[in-house]
Amino acid sequence: MKKTSKAIIITIIVLLSIAVIVLTCLLVIKEVRKCDYYEQKCDSFEVQNANLSKGQIVFIGDSITDLYKLDSYYADLDLALYNRGIGADTTKGVKARLDVSIFDIEPSVIVLMIGTNDINWGRSVKDTMETYHEIVEEIYAKLPEVKLYCMSVIPQNKDIEKYAPLSVDNNLKKIKELNKEIEGLAKEVSATYLDLYSRLLDEEGYLDKEYSNDGLHLDHEGFVVWTELLKPYLLKK
């Protein structure tokens, strides 16, 4: 009986060990794929930059920006729009690629939305804002005449959220705090803060299901709301 119990315990330990190894491998693979996509996008930007005009409009951010089909929403603008969103990116990632994403093409307008993945992956609002501040500081140092639009980080919805590790209620508290900090920084440096967060909320304070299929990213209707908020500013001469 004792031998049987011992064998069972050993089997459980072995199975748990295998599970930990498999999970670790999956996480490593995920990180490698994420890094590969980041590098591929940056390489693509570098190639594109040789043929792009300066003085245009750049959107920069994470997957929410990456999925934004700009030409479908801003065809009536005189300036060209360049999408420099990268899925899974963070404030640190944006800061590291400012040259290839922005400075090499010297835009006259920048639309910045970043921070949701910092929050998703447990980074504090304080640390996130430190990097965000560094991004803004570097932008104005290199492009002092640029028009900078700081978009709020958007809300999330726990009912349709498809990313199991996320703690939506906790994230929303941090996102609200982060947005207040972004708004304050924008005022401090004379950038324009645009509150997209409030426009996307449902009655319960979550990302409205009308604007998202997965509780984190925007669908077409969500991008329409973003466009309606931002476009009047971009149309100003």
Protein backbone atom coordinates (compact mmCIF):
# COMPACT_ATOMS: atom_id res chain seq x y z
CA MET A 1 0.00 0.00 0.00
CA LYS A 2 2.82 2.35 0.93
CA LYS A 3 4.63 1.52 -2.30
CA THR A 4 1.48 2.25 -4.30
CA SER A 5 0.97 5.62 -2.59
CA LYS A 6 4.60 6.52 -3.15
CA ALA A 7 4.34 5.58 -6.81
CA ILE A 8 1.24 7.75 -7.19
CA ILE A 9 2.99 10.71 -5.56
CA ILE A 10 6.02 10.29 -7.80
CA THR A 11 3.76 10.08 -10.86
CA ILE A 12 1.94 13.27 -9.87
CA ILE A 13 5.25 15.08 -9.32
CA VAL A 14 6.52 13.94 -12.71
CA LEU A 15 3.31 15.02 -14.45
CA LEU A 16 3.39 18.43 -12.75
CA SER A 17 7.03 18.83 -13.75
CA ILE A 18 6.17 18.02 -17.36
CA ALA A 19 3.28 20.48 -17.27
CA VAL A 20 5.57 23.24 -15.98
CA ILE A 21 8.14 22.48 -18.70
CA VAL A 22 5.48 22.51 -21.43
CA LEU A 23 3.99 25.77 -20.16
CA THR A 24 7.43 27.35 -19.99
CA CYS A 25 8.18 26.24 -23.55
CA LEU A 26 4.88 27.66 -24.79
CA LEU A 27 5.61 30.99 -23.11
CA VAL A 28 9.09 31.07 -24.61
CA ILE A 29 7.70 30.30 -28.06
CA LYS A 30 5.12 33.05 -27.62
CA GLU A 31 7.82 35.56 -26.66
CA VAL A 32 10.02 34.52 -29.59
CA ARG A 33 7.12 34.90 -32.01
CA LYS A 34 6.30 38.29 -30.51
CA CYS A 35 9.92 39.40 -30.89
CA ASP A 36 10.02 38.04 -34.44
CA TYR A 37 6.93 40.03 -35.40
CA TYR A 38 8.35 43.17 -33.78
CA GLU A 39 11.62 42.82 -35.68
CA GLN A 40 9.84 42.01 -38.94
CA LYS A 41 7.68 45.11 -38.63
CA CYS A 42 10.64 47.34 -37.83
CA ASP A 43 12.54 45.93 -40.81
CA SER A 44 9.49 46.57 -42.98
CA PHE A 45 9.26 50.17 -41.76
CA GLU A 46 12.92 50.73 -42.59
CA VAL A 47 12.39 49.51 -46.16
CA GLN A 48 9.23 51.59 -46.58
CA ASN A 49 10.86 54.76 -45.26
CA ALA A 50 13.06 55.12 -48.33
CA ASN A 51 9.98 55.79 -50.46
CA LEU A 52 7.81 57.77 -48.06
CA SER A 53 7.26 61.51 -48.00
CA LYS A 54 8.17 63.58 -44.96
CA GLY A 55 5.73 65.87 -43.22
CA GLN A 56 2.87 63.37 -43.23
CA ILE A 57 0.84 61.68 -40.45
CA VAL A 58 2.11 58.75 -38.37
CA PHE A 59 -0.03 56.54 -36.13
CA ILE A 60 2.08 54.62 -33.64
CA GLY A 61 1.08 52.06 -31.01
CA ASP A 62 0.33 48.39 -30.42
CA SER A 63 -2.11 45.92 -32.04
CA ILE A 64 -5.05 48.30 -31.66
CA THR A 65 -3.26 50.69 -34.01
CA ASP A 66 -1.80 47.85 -36.09
CA LEU A 67 -5.33 46.70 -36.95
CA TYR A 68 -6.52 50.21 -37.88
CA LYS A 69 -6.94 50.29 -41.68
CA LEU A 70 -6.23 53.98 -41.98
CA ASP A 71 -6.92 54.40 -45.69
CA SER A 72 -10.46 53.11 -45.16
CA TYR A 73 -11.26 55.86 -42.66
CA TYR A 74 -9.15 58.85 -43.72
CA ALA A 75 -9.24 58.80 -47.51
CA ASP A 76 -10.38 62.44 -47.55
CA LEU A 77 -7.23 63.80 -45.89
CA ASP A 78 -4.64 65.67 -47.92
CA LEU A 79 -1.70 64.16 -46.06
CA ALA A 80 -0.63 60.53 -46.30
CA LEU A 81 -1.06 58.30 -43.26
CA TYR A 82 1.54 55.77 -42.15
CA ASN A 83 0.59 53.03 -39.69
CA ARG A 84 3.42 52.20 -37.28
CA GLY A 85 1.45 49.95 -34.95
CA ILE A 86 2.97 46.64 -33.85
CA GLY A 87 0.91 43.93 -32.19
CA ALA A 88 1.84 43.22 -28.54
CA ASP A 89 3.98 46.36 -28.30
CA THR A 90 4.53 48.34 -25.11
CA THR A 91 5.82 51.77 -24.19
CA LYS A 92 9.34 50.32 -24.01
CA GLY A 93 8.96 48.80 -27.45
CA VAL A 94 7.76 52.08 -28.93
CA LYS A 95 10.60 54.00 -27.33
CA ALA A 96 13.15 51.58 -28.76
CA ARG A 97 11.88 52.06 -32.33
CA LEU A 98 11.22 55.78 -32.53
CA ASP A 99 13.87 56.30 -35.19
CA VAL A 100 12.58 53.78 -37.71
CA SER A 101 8.92 54.39 -36.87
CA ILE A 102 8.90 58.18 -36.70
CA PHE A 103 12.09 60.21 -36.89
CA ASP A 104 13.39 58.82 -40.18
CA ILE A 105 10.30 60.15 -41.97
CA GLU A 106 9.84 63.36 -39.93
CA PRO A 107 6.04 63.51 -39.76
CA SER A 108 4.17 66.74 -39.09
CA VAL A 109 1.50 64.90 -37.08
CA ILE A 110 1.80 61.95 -34.68
CA VAL A 111 -1.09 59.97 -33.20
CA LEU A 112 0.14 58.00 -30.19
CA MET A 113 -1.81 55.25 -28.42
CA ILE A 114 0.24 52.97 -26.18
CA GLY A 115 0.12 51.46 -22.71
CA THR A 116 -2.53 48.75 -22.69
CA ASN A 117 -0.01 45.89 -22.90
CA ASP A 118 2.09 47.42 -20.14
CA ILE A 119 -1.02 47.17 -17.96
CA ASN A 120 -2.01 43.74 -19.27
CA TRP A 121 1.37 42.33 -18.31
CA GLY A 122 1.44 43.78 -14.82
CA ARG A 123 3.60 46.86 -15.20
CA SER A 124 2.74 49.65 -12.79
CA VAL A 125 1.17 52.90 -13.94
CA LYS A 126 4.18 54.78 -12.56
CA ASP A 127 6.69 52.75 -14.56
CA THR A 128 4.55 52.88 -17.69
CA MET A 129 4.28 56.66 -17.44
CA GLU A 130 8.01 57.04 -16.98
CA THR A 131 8.57 55.44 -20.36
CA TYR A 132 5.62 57.27 -21.91
CA HIS A 133 7.09 60.56 -20.71
CA GLU A 134 10.45 59.62 -22.26
CA ILE A 135 8.72 58.91 -25.58
CA VAL A 136 7.00 62.30 -25.60
CA GLU A 137 10.16 64.07 -24.49
CA GLU A 138 12.17 62.51 -27.30
CA ILE A 139 9.49 63.30 -29.87
CA TYR A 140 9.55 67.00 -29.03
CA ALA A 141 13.34 67.05 -28.84
CA LYS A 142 13.62 65.68 -32.39
CA LEU A 143 10.44 67.22 -33.86
CA PRO A 144 9.70 70.42 -31.90
CA GLU A 145 7.02 71.62 -34.35
CA VAL A 146 5.10 68.34 -34.56
CA LYS A 147 1.41 68.10 -33.68
CA LEU A 148 1.13 65.31 -31.14
CA TYR A 149 -2.20 63.65 -30.33
CA CYS A 150 -2.08 61.47 -27.22
CA MET A 151 -4.96 59.02 -27.38
CA SER A 152 -6.34 57.57 -24.17
CA VAL A 153 -5.84 53.87 -23.62
CA ILE A 154 -9.15 52.17 -24.39
CA PRO A 155 -11.29 50.13 -21.96
CA GLN A 156 -11.71 46.34 -21.89
CA ASN A 157 -14.68 43.98 -21.51
CA LYS A 158 -14.48 40.90 -19.28
CA ASP A 159 -17.59 39.19 -20.75
CA ILE A 160 -16.12 38.81 -24.23
CA GLU A 161 -12.45 38.95 -23.29
CA LYS A 162 -10.67 36.03 -24.95
CA TYR A 163 -7.30 36.38 -23.26
CA ALA A 164 -7.49 34.23 -20.12
CA PRO A 165 -4.59 35.74 -18.13
CA LEU A 166 -6.13 39.24 -18.16
CA SER A 167 -7.74 40.69 -15.04
CA VAL A 168 -10.10 43.16 -16.68
CA ASP A 169 -11.51 44.84 -13.57
CA ASN A 170 -8.04 45.44 -12.16
CA ASN A 171 -6.79 46.57 -15.57
CA LEU A 172 -9.60 49.12 -15.91
CA LYS A 173 -8.66 50.74 -12.61
CA LYS A 174 -5.08 51.08 -13.78
CA ILE A 175 -6.09 52.24 -17.25
CA LYS A 176 -8.21 55.05 -15.76
CA GLU A 177 -5.24 56.13 -13.66
CA LEU A 178 -2.92 55.88 -16.65
CA ASN A 179 -5.23 58.00 -18.78
CA LYS A 180 -5.31 60.73 -16.15
CA GLU A 181 -1.53 60.75 -16.18
CA ILE A 182 -1.42 60.87 -19.98
CA GLU A 183 -3.91 63.75 -20.00
CA GLY A 184 -1.83 65.65 -17.46
CA LEU A 185 1.37 65.11 -19.43
CA ALA A 186 -0.31 66.22 -22.66
CA LYS A 187 -1.37 69.49 -21.04
CA GLU A 188 2.10 69.97 -19.61
CA VAL A 189 3.83 69.68 -23.00
CA SER A 190 1.05 71.34 -25.06
CA ALA A 191 0.09 68.14 -26.85
CA THR A 192 -3.57 67.27 -27.46
CA TYR A 193 -5.15 64.56 -25.32
CA LEU A 194 -8.16 62.81 -26.85
CA ASP A 195 -10.46 60.80 -24.59
CA LEU A 196 -11.48 57.80 -26.66
CA TYR A 197 -11.92 55.72 -23.50
CA SER A 198 -15.18 57.41 -22.45
CA ARG A 199 -16.70 57.14 -25.92
CA LEU A 200 -16.29 53.36 -25.97
CA LEU A 201 -17.89 52.55 -22.60
CA ASP A 202 -21.13 50.66 -22.08
CA GLU A 203 -23.53 51.38 -19.21
CA GLU A 204 -21.56 49.13 -16.85
CA GLY A 205 -18.25 50.85 -17.48
CA TYR A 206 -16.71 48.25 -19.81
CA LEU A 207 -15.72 48.35 -23.46
CA ASP A 208 -19.05 48.24 -25.31
CA LYS A 209 -19.55 44.93 -27.13
CA GLU A 210 -20.66 46.91 -30.16
CA TYR A 211 -17.09 48.10 -30.56
CA SER A 212 -15.13 44.89 -30.00
CA ASN A 213 -15.18 41.19 -30.83
CA ASP A 214 -12.72 40.08 -28.18
CA GLY A 215 -12.98 42.59 -25.33
CA LEU A 216 -9.58 44.13 -26.01
CA HIS A 217 -9.31 45.22 -29.65
CA LEU A 218 -11.62 47.39 -31.72
CA ASP A 219 -13.88 46.18 -34.52
CA HIS A 220 -15.05 48.34 -37.44
CA GLU A 221 -17.61 50.21 -35.31
CA GLY A 222 -14.93 50.92 -32.72
CA PHE A 223 -12.62 52.34 -35.35
CA VAL A 224 -15.48 54.52 -36.58
CA VAL A 225 -15.74 56.03 -33.10
CA TRP A 226 -11.98 56.65 -33.02
CA THR A 227 -12.13 58.23 -36.48
CA GLU A 228 -15.05 60.50 -35.59
CA LEU A 229 -13.15 61.77 -32.57
CA LEU A 230 -9.81 62.30 -34.28
CA LYS A 231 -10.58 63.31 -37.85
CA PRO A 232 -11.81 66.86 -37.11
CA TYR A 233 -8.39 67.60 -35.62
CA LEU A 234 -6.54 66.15 -38.59
CA LEU A 235 -8.67 68.17 -41.00
CA LYS A 236 -7.61 71.44 -39.39
CA LYS A 237 -5.15 73.38 -41.47
